[in-house]
Every structure is written in C-alpha cells, then in structure tokens.
Amino acid sequence: STYAMGWFRQAPGKEREFVAAINWRGGTTY
C-alpha cells in the first residue's frame, strides 16, 4: 500500500510499454 503502481501493455511483436501510474502516498497519477 506504500508503493507506486502502474499499468503496462504489450502487443504481439512489440515491446512492453507504459500506460499509467499512480503513487499511493503522493496521491498523484500519470
């Protein structure tokens, strides 16, 4: 519950890419 967390995605034949992130303690998103 103190970590930052994120979503990533990977399409066939492509590298894994960033989608969104949230910092639980900072209360911010990107």
mmCIF file of all heavy atoms, coordinates in Angstrom:
data_MODEL
# 
_entry.id   MODEL 
# 
loop_
_atom_site.group_PDB 
_atom_site.id 
_atom_site.type_symbol 
_atom_site.label_atom_id 
_atom_site.label_alt_id 
_atom_site.label_comp_id 
_atom_site.label_asym_id 
_atom_site.label_entity_id 
_atom_site.label_seq_id 
_atom_site.pdbx_PDB_ins_code 
_atom_site.Cartn_x 
_atom_site.Cartn_y 
_atom_site.Cartn_z 
_atom_site.occupancy 
_atom_site.B_iso_or_equiv 
_atom_site.pdbx_formal_charge 
_atom_site.auth_seq_id 
_atom_site.auth_comp_id 
_atom_site.auth_asym_id 
_atom_site.auth_atom_id 
_atom_site.pdbx_PDB_model_num 
ATOM 1   N N   . SER A 1 1  ? 0.814  -1.207 0.000   1.00 0.00 ? 1  SER A N   1 
ATOM 2   C CA  . SER A 1 1  ? 0.000  0.000  0.000   1.00 0.00 ? 1  SER A CA  1 
ATOM 3   C C   . SER A 1 1  ? 0.853  1.264  0.000   1.00 0.00 ? 1  SER A C   1 
ATOM 4   O O   . SER A 1 1  ? 0.334  2.361  -0.183  1.00 0.00 ? 1  SER A O   1 
ATOM 5   C CB  . SER A 1 1  ? -0.943 0.005  1.201   1.00 0.00 ? 1  SER A CB  1 
ATOM 6   O OG  . SER A 1 1  ? -0.189 -0.008 2.408   1.00 0.00 ? 1  SER A OG  1 
ATOM 7   N N   . THR A 1 2  ? 2.157  1.130  0.216   1.00 0.00 ? 2  THR A N   1 
ATOM 8   C CA  . THR A 1 2  ? 3.038  2.293  0.201   1.00 0.00 ? 2  THR A CA  1 
ATOM 9   C C   . THR A 1 2  ? 3.775  2.442  -1.131  1.00 0.00 ? 2  THR A C   1 
ATOM 10  O O   . THR A 1 2  ? 4.518  3.396  -1.324  1.00 0.00 ? 2  THR A O   1 
ATOM 11  C CB  . THR A 1 2  ? 4.080  2.213  1.325   1.00 0.00 ? 2  THR A CB  1 
ATOM 12  O OG1 . THR A 1 2  ? 4.955  1.101  1.068   1.00 0.00 ? 2  THR A OG1 1 
ATOM 13  C CG2 . THR A 1 2  ? 3.417  2.016  2.674   1.00 0.00 ? 2  THR A CG2 1 
ATOM 14  N N   . TYR A 1 3  ? 3.590  1.515  -2.034  1.00 0.00 ? 3  TYR A N   1 
ATOM 15  C CA  . TYR A 1 3  ? 4.309  1.531  -3.298  1.00 0.00 ? 3  TYR A CA  1 
ATOM 16  C C   . TYR A 1 3  ? 3.635  2.440  -4.314  1.00 0.00 ? 3  TYR A C   1 
ATOM 17  O O   . TYR A 1 3  ? 2.477  2.814  -4.166  1.00 0.00 ? 3  TYR A O   1 
ATOM 18  C CB  . TYR A 1 3  ? 4.394  0.128  -3.894  1.00 0.00 ? 3  TYR A CB  1 
ATOM 19  C CG  . TYR A 1 3  ? 5.149  -0.878 -3.072  1.00 0.00 ? 3  TYR A CG  1 
ATOM 20  C CD1 . TYR A 1 3  ? 5.081  -2.231 -3.381  1.00 0.00 ? 3  TYR A CD1 1 
ATOM 21  C CD2 . TYR A 1 3  ? 5.925  -0.519 -1.985  1.00 0.00 ? 3  TYR A CD2 1 
ATOM 22  C CE1 . TYR A 1 3  ? 5.766  -3.186 -2.653  1.00 0.00 ? 3  TYR A CE1 1 
ATOM 23  C CE2 . TYR A 1 3  ? 6.613  -1.462 -1.238  1.00 0.00 ? 3  TYR A CE2 1 
ATOM 24  C CZ  . TYR A 1 3  ? 6.530  -2.788 -1.582  1.00 0.00 ? 3  TYR A CZ  1 
ATOM 25  O OH  . TYR A 1 3  ? 7.208  -3.722 -0.850  1.00 0.00 ? 3  TYR A OH  1 
ATOM 26  N N   . ALA A 1 4  ? 4.376  2.746  -5.371  1.00 0.00 ? 4  ALA A N   1 
ATOM 27  C CA  . ALA A 1 4  ? 3.768  3.280  -6.577  1.00 0.00 ? 4  ALA A CA  1 
ATOM 28  C C   . ALA A 1 4  ? 3.385  2.077  -7.440  1.00 0.00 ? 4  ALA A C   1 
ATOM 29  O O   . ALA A 1 4  ? 4.025  1.034  -7.375  1.00 0.00 ? 4  ALA A O   1 
ATOM 30  C CB  . ALA A 1 4  ? 4.739  4.180  -7.322  1.00 0.00 ? 4  ALA A CB  1 
ATOM 31  N N   . MET A 1 5  ? 2.354  2.251  -8.253  1.00 0.00 ? 5  MET A N   1 
ATOM 32  C CA  . MET A 1 5  ? 1.911  1.137  -9.094  1.00 0.00 ? 5  MET A CA  1 
ATOM 33  C C   . MET A 1 5  ? 1.605  1.629  -10.491 1.00 0.00 ? 5  MET A C   1 
ATOM 34  O O   . MET A 1 5  ? 1.315  2.814  -10.684 1.00 0.00 ? 5  MET A O   1 
ATOM 35  C CB  . MET A 1 5  ? 0.696  0.463  -8.483  1.00 0.00 ? 5  MET A CB  1 
ATOM 36  C CG  . MET A 1 5  ? 0.990  -0.160 -7.133  1.00 0.00 ? 5  MET A CG  1 
ATOM 37  S SD  . MET A 1 5  ? -0.312 -1.207 -6.522  1.00 0.00 ? 5  MET A SD  1 
ATOM 38  C CE  . MET A 1 5  ? -0.157 -2.613 -7.628  1.00 0.00 ? 5  MET A CE  1 
ATOM 39  N N   . GLY A 1 6  ? 1.688  0.711  -11.419 1.00 0.00 ? 6  GLY A N   1 
ATOM 40  C CA  . GLY A 1 6  ? 1.474  1.116  -12.790 1.00 0.00 ? 6  GLY A CA  1 
ATOM 41  C C   . GLY A 1 6  ? 0.826  0.040  -13.630 1.00 0.00 ? 6  GLY A C   1 
ATOM 42  O O   . GLY A 1 6  ? 0.748  -1.122 -13.227 1.00 0.00 ? 6  GLY A O   1 
ATOM 43  N N   . TRP A 1 7  ? 0.346  0.480  -14.779 1.00 0.00 ? 7  TRP A N   1 
ATOM 44  C CA  . TRP A 1 7  ? -0.164 -0.419 -15.811 1.00 0.00 ? 7  TRP A CA  1 
ATOM 45  C C   . TRP A 1 7  ? 0.744  -0.310 -17.035 1.00 0.00 ? 7  TRP A C   1 
ATOM 46  O O   . TRP A 1 7  ? 1.109  0.797  -17.448 1.00 0.00 ? 7  TRP A O   1 
ATOM 47  C CB  . TRP A 1 7  ? -1.588 -0.049 -16.212 1.00 0.00 ? 7  TRP A CB  1 
ATOM 48  C CG  . TRP A 1 7  ? -2.637 -0.387 -15.202 1.00 0.00 ? 7  TRP A CG  1 
ATOM 49  C CD1 . TRP A 1 7  ? -3.220 0.461  -14.311 1.00 0.00 ? 7  TRP A CD1 1 
ATOM 50  C CD2 . TRP A 1 7  ? -3.248 -1.660 -14.992 1.00 0.00 ? 7  TRP A CD2 1 
ATOM 51  N NE1 . TRP A 1 7  ? -4.142 -0.212 -13.545 1.00 0.00 ? 7  TRP A NE1 1 
ATOM 52  C CE2 . TRP A 1 7  ? -4.182 -1.522 -13.950 1.00 0.00 ? 7  TRP A CE2 1 
ATOM 53  C CE3 . TRP A 1 7  ? -3.094 -2.923 -15.581 1.00 0.00 ? 7  TRP A CE3 1 
ATOM 54  C CZ2 . TRP A 1 7  ? -4.965 -2.578 -13.483 1.00 0.00 ? 7  TRP A CZ2 1 
ATOM 55  C CZ3 . TRP A 1 7  ? -3.872 -3.976 -15.120 1.00 0.00 ? 7  TRP A CZ3 1 
ATOM 56  C CH2 . TRP A 1 7  ? -4.790 -3.799 -14.081 1.00 0.00 ? 7  TRP A CH2 1 
ATOM 57  N N   . PHE A 1 8  ? 1.065  -1.448 -17.593 1.00 0.00 ? 8  PHE A N   1 
ATOM 58  C CA  . PHE A 1 8  ? 1.819  -1.526 -18.838 1.00 0.00 ? 8  PHE A CA  1 
ATOM 59  C C   . PHE A 1 8  ? 1.044  -2.438 -19.790 1.00 0.00 ? 8  PHE A C   1 
ATOM 60  O O   . PHE A 1 8  ? 0.152  -3.180 -19.367 1.00 0.00 ? 8  PHE A O   1 
ATOM 61  C CB  . PHE A 1 8  ? 3.210  -2.116 -18.589 1.00 0.00 ? 8  PHE A CB  1 
ATOM 62  C CG  . PHE A 1 8  ? 4.143  -1.187 -17.857 1.00 0.00 ? 8  PHE A CG  1 
ATOM 63  C CD1 . PHE A 1 8  ? 4.010  -0.985 -16.489 1.00 0.00 ? 8  PHE A CD1 1 
ATOM 64  C CD2 . PHE A 1 8  ? 5.148  -0.507 -18.530 1.00 0.00 ? 8  PHE A CD2 1 
ATOM 65  C CE1 . PHE A 1 8  ? 4.863  -0.128 -15.805 1.00 0.00 ? 8  PHE A CE1 1 
ATOM 66  C CE2 . PHE A 1 8  ? 6.000  0.350  -17.860 1.00 0.00 ? 8  PHE A CE2 1 
ATOM 67  C CZ  . PHE A 1 8  ? 5.858  0.545  -16.496 1.00 0.00 ? 8  PHE A CZ  1 
ATOM 68  N N   . ARG A 1 9  ? 1.415  -2.393 -21.065 1.00 0.00 ? 9  ARG A N   1 
ATOM 69  C CA  . ARG A 1 9  ? 0.784  -3.302 -22.012 1.00 0.00 ? 9  ARG A CA  1 
ATOM 70  C C   . ARG A 1 9  ? 1.806  -3.763 -23.045 1.00 0.00 ? 9  ARG A C   1 
ATOM 71  O O   . ARG A 1 9  ? 2.803  -3.076 -23.303 1.00 0.00 ? 9  ARG A O   1 
ATOM 72  C CB  . ARG A 1 9  ? -0.410 -2.636 -22.700 1.00 0.00 ? 9  ARG A CB  1 
ATOM 73  C CG  . ARG A 1 9  ? -0.050 -1.457 -23.584 1.00 0.00 ? 9  ARG A CG  1 
ATOM 74  C CD  . ARG A 1 9  ? -1.321 -0.787 -24.091 1.00 0.00 ? 9  ARG A CD  1 
ATOM 75  N NE  . ARG A 1 9  ? -1.026 0.340  -24.986 1.00 0.00 ? 9  ARG A NE  1 
ATOM 76  C CZ  . ARG A 1 9  ? -1.948 1.149  -25.480 1.00 0.00 ? 9  ARG A CZ  1 
ATOM 77  N NH1 . ARG A 1 9  ? -3.227 0.977  -25.169 1.00 0.00 ? 9  ARG A NH1 1 
ATOM 78  N NH2 . ARG A 1 9  ? -1.597 2.139  -26.289 1.00 0.00 ? 9  ARG A NH2 1 
ATOM 79  N N   . GLN A 1 10 ? 1.517  -4.916 -23.609 1.00 0.00 ? 10 GLN A N   1 
ATOM 80  C CA  . GLN A 1 10 ? 2.417  -5.466 -24.618 1.00 0.00 ? 10 GLN A CA  1 
ATOM 81  C C   . GLN A 1 10 ? 1.596  -6.097 -25.726 1.00 0.00 ? 10 GLN A C   1 
ATOM 82  O O   . GLN A 1 10 ? 0.846  -7.066 -25.480 1.00 0.00 ? 10 GLN A O   1 
ATOM 83  C CB  . GLN A 1 10 ? 3.362  -6.504 -23.997 1.00 0.00 ? 10 GLN A CB  1 
ATOM 84  C CG  . GLN A 1 10 ? 4.438  -6.978 -24.950 1.00 0.00 ? 10 GLN A CG  1 
ATOM 85  C CD  . GLN A 1 10 ? 5.557  -7.713 -24.231 1.00 0.00 ? 10 GLN A CD  1 
ATOM 86  O OE1 . GLN A 1 10 ? 5.405  -8.154 -23.095 1.00 0.00 ? 10 GLN A OE1 1 
ATOM 87  N NE2 . GLN A 1 10 ? 6.701  -7.826 -24.886 1.00 0.00 ? 10 GLN A NE2 1 
ATOM 88  N N   . ALA A 1 11 ? 1.728  -5.544 -26.913 1.00 0.00 ? 11 ALA A N   1 
ATOM 89  C CA  . ALA A 1 11 ? 1.057  -6.082 -28.091 1.00 0.00 ? 11 ALA A CA  1 
ATOM 90  C C   . ALA A 1 11 ? 1.963  -7.111 -28.754 1.00 0.00 ? 11 ALA A C   1 
ATOM 91  O O   . ALA A 1 11 ? 3.191  -7.067 -28.572 1.00 0.00 ? 11 ALA A O   1 
ATOM 92  C CB  . ALA A 1 11 ? 0.730  -4.954 -29.055 1.00 0.00 ? 11 ALA A CB  1 
ATOM 93  N N   . PRO A 1 12 ? 1.401  -8.016 -29.546 1.00 0.00 ? 12 PRO A N   1 
ATOM 94  C CA  . PRO A 1 12 ? 2.223  -9.040 -30.200 1.00 0.00 ? 12 PRO A CA  1 
ATOM 95  C C   . PRO A 1 12 ? 3.328  -8.417 -31.044 1.00 0.00 ? 12 PRO A C   1 
ATOM 96  O O   . PRO A 1 12 ? 3.082  -7.497 -31.834 1.00 0.00 ? 12 PRO A O   1 
ATOM 97  C CB  . PRO A 1 12 ? 1.210  -9.778 -31.087 1.00 0.00 ? 12 PRO A CB  1 
ATOM 98  C CG  . PRO A 1 12 ? -0.089 -9.575 -30.410 1.00 0.00 ? 12 PRO A CG  1 
ATOM 99  C CD  . PRO A 1 12 ? -0.031 -8.207 -29.813 1.00 0.00 ? 12 PRO A CD  1 
ATOM 100 N N   . GLY A 1 13 ? 4.541  -8.891 -30.831 1.00 0.00 ? 13 GLY A N   1 
ATOM 101 C CA  . GLY A 1 13 ? 5.671  -8.414 -31.603 1.00 0.00 ? 13 GLY A CA  1 
ATOM 102 C C   . GLY A 1 13 ? 6.208  -7.058 -31.197 1.00 0.00 ? 13 GLY A C   1 
ATOM 103 O O   . GLY A 1 13 ? 7.104  -6.523 -31.850 1.00 0.00 ? 13 GLY A O   1 
ATOM 104 N N   . LYS A 1 14 ? 5.672  -6.497 -30.127 1.00 0.00 ? 14 LYS A N   1 
ATOM 105 C CA  . LYS A 1 14 ? 6.111  -5.182 -29.679 1.00 0.00 ? 14 LYS A CA  1 
ATOM 106 C C   . LYS A 1 14 ? 6.658  -5.248 -28.260 1.00 0.00 ? 14 LYS A C   1 
ATOM 107 O O   . LYS A 1 14 ? 6.394  -6.184 -27.517 1.00 0.00 ? 14 LYS A O   1 
ATOM 108 C CB  . LYS A 1 14 ? 4.959  -4.180 -29.750 1.00 0.00 ? 14 LYS A CB  1 
ATOM 109 C CG  . LYS A 1 14 ? 4.474  -3.900 -31.162 1.00 0.00 ? 14 LYS A CG  1 
ATOM 110 C CD  . LYS A 1 14 ? 3.467  -2.768 -31.168 1.00 0.00 ? 14 LYS A CD  1 
ATOM 111 C CE  . LYS A 1 14 ? 3.039  -2.418 -32.584 1.00 0.00 ? 14 LYS A CE  1 
ATOM 112 N NZ  . LYS A 1 14 ? 2.080  -1.280 -32.601 1.00 0.00 ? 14 LYS A NZ  1 
ATOM 113 N N   . GLU A 1 15 ? 7.407  -4.213 -27.890 1.00 0.00 ? 15 GLU A N   1 
ATOM 114 C CA  . GLU A 1 15 ? 7.931  -4.141 -26.535 1.00 0.00 ? 15 GLU A CA  1 
ATOM 115 C C   . GLU A 1 15 ? 6.822  -3.727 -25.566 1.00 0.00 ? 15 GLU A C   1 
ATOM 116 O O   . GLU A 1 15 ? 5.844  -3.095 -25.952 1.00 0.00 ? 15 GLU A O   1 
ATOM 117 C CB  . GLU A 1 15 ? 9.075  -3.127 -26.480 1.00 0.00 ? 15 GLU A CB  1 
ATOM 118 C CG  . GLU A 1 15 ? 10.304 -3.559 -27.252 1.00 0.00 ? 15 GLU A CG  1 
ATOM 119 C CD  . GLU A 1 15 ? 11.476 -2.614 -27.051 1.00 0.00 ? 15 GLU A CD  1 
ATOM 120 O OE1 . GLU A 1 15 ? 11.284 -1.539 -26.465 1.00 0.00 ? 15 GLU A OE1 1 
ATOM 121 O OE2 . GLU A 1 15 ? 12.579 -2.956 -27.495 1.00 0.00 ? 15 GLU A OE2 1 
ATOM 122 N N   . ARG A 1 16 ? 7.044  -4.072 -24.312 1.00 0.00 ? 16 ARG A N   1 
ATOM 123 C CA  . ARG A 1 16 ? 6.098  -3.660 -23.280 1.00 0.00 ? 16 ARG A CA  1 
ATOM 124 C C   . ARG A 1 16 ? 6.175  -2.151 -23.116 1.00 0.00 ? 16 ARG A C   1 
ATOM 125 O O   . ARG A 1 16 ? 7.267  -1.576 -23.044 1.00 0.00 ? 16 ARG A O   1 
ATOM 126 C CB  . ARG A 1 16 ? 6.441  -4.362 -21.964 1.00 0.00 ? 16 ARG A CB  1 
ATOM 127 C CG  . ARG A 1 16 ? 5.349  -4.285 -20.914 1.00 0.00 ? 16 ARG A CG  1 
ATOM 128 C CD  . ARG A 1 16 ? 5.614  -5.231 -19.759 1.00 0.00 ? 16 ARG A CD  1 
ATOM 129 N NE  . ARG A 1 16 ? 5.626  -6.624 -20.204 1.00 0.00 ? 16 ARG A NE  1 
ATOM 130 C CZ  . ARG A 1 16 ? 5.678  -7.656 -19.361 1.00 0.00 ? 16 ARG A CZ  1 
ATOM 131 N NH1 . ARG A 1 16 ? 5.722  -7.438 -18.051 1.00 0.00 ? 16 ARG A NH1 1 
ATOM 132 N NH2 . ARG A 1 16 ? 5.696  -8.888 -19.822 1.00 0.00 ? 16 ARG A NH2 1 
ATOM 133 N N   . GLU A 1 17 ? 5.024  -1.505 -23.059 1.00 0.00 ? 17 GLU A N   1 
ATOM 134 C CA  . GLU A 1 17 ? 5.004  -0.051 -22.970 1.00 0.00 ? 17 GLU A CA  1 
ATOM 135 C C   . GLU A 1 17 ? 4.165  0.435  -21.790 1.00 0.00 ? 17 GLU A C   1 
ATOM 136 O O   . GLU A 1 17 ? 3.207  -0.221 -21.362 1.00 0.00 ? 17 GLU A O   1 
ATOM 137 C CB  . GLU A 1 17 ? 4.461  0.567  -24.272 1.00 0.00 ? 17 GLU A CB  1 
ATOM 138 C CG  . GLU A 1 17 ? 3.013  0.280  -24.554 1.00 0.00 ? 17 GLU A CG  1 
ATOM 139 C CD  . GLU A 1 17 ? 2.473  1.067  -25.747 1.00 0.00 ? 17 GLU A CD  1 
ATOM 140 O OE1 . GLU A 1 17 ? 3.251  1.797  -26.399 1.00 0.00 ? 17 GLU A OE1 1 
ATOM 141 O OE2 . GLU A 1 17 ? 1.263  0.945  -26.019 1.00 0.00 ? 17 GLU A OE2 1 
ATOM 142 N N   . PHE A 1 18 ? 4.545  1.590  -21.300 1.00 0.00 ? 18 PHE A N   1 
ATOM 143 C CA  . PHE A 1 18 ? 3.881  2.220  -20.171 1.00 0.00 ? 18 PHE A CA  1 
ATOM 144 C C   . PHE A 1 18 ? 2.497  2.719  -20.570 1.00 0.00 ? 18 PHE A C   1 
ATOM 145 O O   . PHE A 1 18 ? 2.304  3.253  -21.664 1.00 0.00 ? 18 PHE A O   1 
ATOM 146 C CB  . PHE A 1 18 ? 4.735  3.392  -19.680 1.00 0.00 ? 18 PHE A CB  1 
ATOM 147 C CG  . PHE A 1 18 ? 4.073  4.267  -18.669 1.00 0.00 ? 18 PHE A CG  1 
ATOM 148 C CD1 . PHE A 1 18 ? 3.941  3.845  -17.355 1.00 0.00 ? 18 PHE A CD1 1 
ATOM 149 C CD2 . PHE A 1 18 ? 3.592  5.512  -19.020 1.00 0.00 ? 18 PHE A CD2 1 
ATOM 150 C CE1 . PHE A 1 18 ? 3.342  4.654  -16.407 1.00 0.00 ? 18 PHE A CE1 1 
ATOM 151 C CE2 . PHE A 1 18 ? 2.991  6.330  -18.086 1.00 0.00 ? 18 PHE A CE2 1 
ATOM 152 C CZ  . PHE A 1 18 ? 2.867  5.907  -16.779 1.00 0.00 ? 18 PHE A CZ  1 
ATOM 153 N N   . VAL A 1 19 ? 1.543  2.555  -19.647 1.00 0.00 ? 19 VAL A N   1 
ATOM 154 C CA  . VAL A 1 19 ? 0.188  3.065  -19.852 1.00 0.00 ? 19 VAL A CA  1 
ATOM 155 C C   . VAL A 1 19 ? -0.127 4.153  -18.828 1.00 0.00 ? 19 VAL A C   1 
ATOM 156 O O   . VAL A 1 19 ? -0.478 5.273  -19.188 1.00 0.00 ? 19 VAL A O   1 
ATOM 157 C CB  . VAL A 1 19 ? -0.849 1.935  -19.752 1.00 0.00 ? 19 VAL A CB  1 
ATOM 158 C CG1 . VAL A 1 19 ? -2.265 2.499  -19.856 1.00 0.00 ? 19 VAL A CG1 1 
ATOM 159 C CG2 . VAL A 1 19 ? -0.608 0.879  -20.832 1.00 0.00 ? 19 VAL A CG2 1 
ATOM 160 N N   . ALA A 1 20 ? -0.004 3.836  -17.546 1.00 0.00 ? 20 ALA A N   1 
ATOM 161 C CA  . ALA A 1 20 ? -0.348 4.805  -16.499 1.00 0.00 ? 20 ALA A CA  1 
ATOM 162 C C   . ALA A 1 20 ? 0.255  4.367  -15.182 1.00 0.00 ? 20 ALA A C   1 
ATOM 163 O O   . ALA A 1 20 ? 0.547  3.180  -14.986 1.00 0.00 ? 20 ALA A O   1 
ATOM 164 C CB  . ALA A 1 20 ? -1.863 4.950  -16.374 1.00 0.00 ? 20 ALA A CB  1 
ATOM 165 N N   . ALA A 1 21 ? 0.421  5.334  -14.269 1.00 0.00 ? 21 ALA A N   1 
ATOM 166 C CA  . ALA A 1 21 ? 0.983  5.042  -12.954 1.00 0.00 ? 21 ALA A CA  1 
ATOM 167 C C   . ALA A 1 21 ? 0.281  5.854  -11.893 1.00 0.00 ? 21 ALA A C   1 
ATOM 168 O O   . ALA A 1 21 ? -0.278 6.929  -12.172 1.00 0.00 ? 21 ALA A O   1 
ATOM 169 C CB  . ALA A 1 21 ? 2.484  5.330  -12.926 1.00 0.00 ? 21 ALA A CB  1 
ATOM 170 N N   . ILE A 1 22 ? 0.320  5.348  -10.678 1.00 0.00 ? 22 ILE A N   1 
ATOM 171 C CA  . ILE A 1 22 ? -0.261 6.039  -9.534  1.00 0.00 ? 22 ILE A CA  1 
ATOM 172 C C   . ILE A 1 22 ? 0.683  5.861  -8.348  1.00 0.00 ? 22 ILE A C   1 
ATOM 173 O O   . ILE A 1 22 ? 1.267  4.791  -8.174  1.00 0.00 ? 22 ILE A O   1 
ATOM 174 C CB  . ILE A 1 22 ? -1.675 5.511  -9.212  1.00 0.00 ? 22 ILE A CB  1 
ATOM 175 C CG1 . ILE A 1 22 ? -2.346 6.334  -8.117  1.00 0.00 ? 22 ILE A CG1 1 
ATOM 176 C CG2 . ILE A 1 22 ? -1.639 4.029  -8.824  1.00 0.00 ? 22 ILE A CG2 1 
ATOM 177 C CD1 . ILE A 1 22 ? -3.846 6.033  -7.964  1.00 0.00 ? 22 ILE A CD1 1 
ATOM 178 N N   . ASN A 1 23 ? 0.827  6.914  -7.568  1.00 0.00 ? 23 ASN A N   1 
ATOM 179 C CA  . ASN A 1 23 ? 1.608  6.825  -6.340  1.00 0.00 ? 23 ASN A CA  1 
ATOM 180 C C   . ASN A 1 23 ? 0.637  6.917  -5.178  1.00 0.00 ? 23 ASN A C   1 
ATOM 181 O O   . ASN A 1 23 ? 0.010  7.950  -4.968  1.00 0.00 ? 23 ASN A O   1 
ATOM 182 C CB  . ASN A 1 23 ? 2.647  7.961  -6.288  1.00 0.00 ? 23 ASN A CB  1 
ATOM 183 C CG  . ASN A 1 23 ? 3.628  7.781  -5.158  1.00 0.00 ? 23 ASN A CG  1 
ATOM 184 O OD1 . ASN A 1 23 ? 3.246  7.667  -3.995  1.00 0.00 ? 23 ASN A OD1 1 
ATOM 185 N ND2 . ASN A 1 23 ? 4.907  7.735  -5.493  1.00 0.00 ? 23 ASN A ND2 1 
ATOM 186 N N   . TRP A 1 24 ? 0.506  5.802  -4.454  1.00 0.00 ? 24 TRP A N   1 
ATOM 187 C CA  . TRP A 1 24 ? -0.497 5.744  -3.377  1.00 0.00 ? 24 TRP A CA  1 
ATOM 188 C C   . TRP A 1 24 ? -0.281 6.865  -2.362  1.00 0.00 ? 24 TRP A C   1 
ATOM 189 O O   . TRP A 1 24 ? -1.229 7.555  -1.972  1.00 0.00 ? 24 TRP A O   1 
ATOM 190 C CB  . TRP A 1 24 ? -0.395 4.420  -2.623  1.00 0.00 ? 24 TRP A CB  1 
ATOM 191 C CG  . TRP A 1 24 ? -0.802 3.194  -3.354  1.00 0.00 ? 24 TRP A CG  1 
ATOM 192 C CD1 . TRP A 1 24 ? -0.001 2.112  -3.603  1.00 0.00 ? 24 TRP A CD1 1 
ATOM 193 C CD2 . TRP A 1 24 ? -2.082 2.868  -3.891  1.00 0.00 ? 24 TRP A CD2 1 
ATOM 194 N NE1 . TRP A 1 24 ? -0.713 1.156  -4.271  1.00 0.00 ? 24 TRP A NE1 1 
ATOM 195 C CE2 . TRP A 1 24 ? -1.985 1.582  -4.455  1.00 0.00 ? 24 TRP A CE2 1 
ATOM 196 C CE3 . TRP A 1 24 ? -3.304 3.547  -3.954  1.00 0.00 ? 24 TRP A CE3 1 
ATOM 197 C CZ2 . TRP A 1 24 ? -3.059 0.951  -5.071  1.00 0.00 ? 24 TRP A CZ2 1 
ATOM 198 C CZ3 . TRP A 1 24 ? -4.376 2.918  -4.559  1.00 0.00 ? 24 TRP A CZ3 1 
ATOM 199 C CH2 . TRP A 1 24 ? -4.233 1.639  -5.109  1.00 0.00 ? 24 TRP A CH2 1 
ATOM 200 N N   . ARG A 1 25 ? 0.947  7.057  -1.940  1.00 0.00 ? 25 ARG A N   1 
ATOM 201 C CA  . ARG A 1 25 ? 1.197  8.015  -0.860  1.00 0.00 ? 25 ARG A CA  1 
ATOM 202 C C   . ARG A 1 25 ? 1.165  9.446  -1.365  1.00 0.00 ? 25 ARG A C   1 
ATOM 203 O O   . ARG A 1 25 ? 0.721  10.342 -0.659  1.00 0.00 ? 25 ARG A O   1 
ATOM 204 C CB  . ARG A 1 25 ? 2.527  7.708  -0.181  1.00 0.00 ? 25 ARG A CB  1 
ATOM 205 C CG  . ARG A 1 25 ? 2.495  6.410  0.617   1.00 0.00 ? 25 ARG A CG  1 
ATOM 206 C CD  . ARG A 1 25 ? 3.804  6.191  1.343   1.00 0.00 ? 25 ARG A CD  1 
ATOM 207 N NE  . ARG A 1 25 ? 4.885  5.991  0.396   1.00 0.00 ? 25 ARG A NE  1 
ATOM 208 C CZ  . ARG A 1 25 ? 6.175  6.086  0.712   1.00 0.00 ? 25 ARG A CZ  1 
ATOM 209 N NH1 . ARG A 1 25 ? 6.537  6.426  1.929   1.00 0.00 ? 25 ARG A NH1 1 
ATOM 210 N NH2 . ARG A 1 25 ? 7.098  5.878  -0.197  1.00 0.00 ? 25 ARG A NH2 1 
ATOM 211 N N   . GLY A 1 26 ? 1.638  9.659  -2.580  1.00 0.00 ? 26 GLY A N   1 
ATOM 212 C CA  . GLY A 1 26 ? 1.626  11.014 -3.129  1.00 0.00 ? 26 GLY A CA  1 
ATOM 213 C C   . GLY A 1 26 ? 0.262  11.428 -3.654  1.00 0.00 ? 26 GLY A C   1 
ATOM 214 O O   . GLY A 1 26 ? -0.010 12.619 -3.808  1.00 0.00 ? 26 GLY A O   1 
ATOM 215 N N   . GLY A 1 27 ? -0.569 10.436 -3.940  1.00 0.00 ? 27 GLY A N   1 
ATOM 216 C CA  . GLY A 1 27 ? -1.899 10.737 -4.451  1.00 0.00 ? 27 GLY A CA  1 
ATOM 217 C C   . GLY A 1 27 ? -1.906 11.286 -5.854  1.00 0.00 ? 27 GLY A C   1 
ATOM 218 O O   . GLY A 1 27 ? -2.843 11.987 -6.253  1.00 0.00 ? 27 GLY A O   1 
ATOM 219 N N   . THR A 1 28 ? -0.873 10.994 -6.617  1.00 0.00 ? 28 THR A N   1 
ATOM 220 C CA  . THR A 1 28 ? -0.763 11.546 -7.962  1.00 0.00 ? 28 THR A CA  1 
ATOM 221 C C   . THR A 1 28 ? -0.813 10.437 -9.001  1.00 0.00 ? 28 THR A C   1 
ATOM 222 O O   . THR A 1 28 ? -0.557 9.266  -8.710  1.00 0.00 ? 28 THR A O   1 
ATOM 223 C CB  . THR A 1 28 ? 0.556  12.311 -8.122  1.00 0.00 ? 28 THR A CB  1 
ATOM 224 O OG1 . THR A 1 28 ? 1.636  11.468 -7.702  1.00 0.00 ? 28 THR A OG1 1 
ATOM 225 C CG2 . THR A 1 28 ? 0.549  13.567 -7.271  1.00 0.00 ? 28 THR A CG2 1 
ATOM 226 N N   . THR A 1 29 ? -1.157 10.826 -10.228 1.00 0.00 ? 29 THR A N   1 
ATOM 227 C CA  . THR A 1 29 ? -1.222 9.883  -11.337 1.00 0.00 ? 29 THR A CA  1 
ATOM 228 C C   . THR A 1 29 ? -0.540 10.465 -12.567 1.00 0.00 ? 29 THR A C   1 
ATOM 229 O O   . THR A 1 29 ? -0.328 11.689 -12.655 1.00 0.00 ? 29 THR A O   1 
ATOM 230 C CB  . THR A 1 29 ? -2.673 9.526  -11.703 1.00 0.00 ? 29 THR A CB  1 
ATOM 231 O OG1 . THR A 1 29 ? -3.345 10.715 -12.145 1.00 0.00 ? 29 THR A OG1 1 
ATOM 232 C CG2 . THR A 1 29 ? -3.421 8.937  -10.518 1.00 0.00 ? 29 THR A CG2 1 
ATOM 233 N N   . TYR A 1 30 ? -0.231 9.583  -13.498 1.00 0.00 ? 30 TYR A N   1 
ATOM 234 C CA  . TYR A 1 30 ? 0.463  9.983  -14.725 1.00 0.00 ? 30 TYR A CA  1 
ATOM 235 C C   . TYR A 1 30 ? 0.084  8.983  -15.793 1.00 0.00 ? 30 TYR A C   1 
ATOM 236 O O   . TYR A 1 30 ? 0.061  7.772  -15.534 1.00 0.00 ? 30 TYR A O   1 
ATOM 237 C CB  . TYR A 1 30 ? 1.970  9.989  -14.484 1.00 0.00 ? 30 TYR A CB  1 
ATOM 238 C CG  . TYR A 1 30 ? 2.833  10.146 -15.719 1.00 0.00 ? 30 TYR A CG  1 
ATOM 239 C CD1 . TYR A 1 30 ? 2.664  11.224 -16.582 1.00 0.00 ? 30 TYR A CD1 1 
ATOM 240 C CD2 . TYR A 1 30 ? 3.840  9.220  -16.007 1.00 0.00 ? 30 TYR A CD2 1 
ATOM 241 C CE1 . TYR A 1 30 ? 3.466  11.360 -17.700 1.00 0.00 ? 30 TYR A CE1 1 
ATOM 242 C CE2 . TYR A 1 30 ? 4.641  9.358  -17.123 1.00 0.00 ? 30 TYR A CE2 1 
ATOM 243 C CZ  . TYR A 1 30 ? 4.451  10.433 -17.966 1.00 0.00 ? 30 TYR A CZ  1 
ATOM 244 O OH  . TYR A 1 30 ? 5.242  10.584 -19.071 1.00 0.00 ? 30 TYR A OH  1 
# 
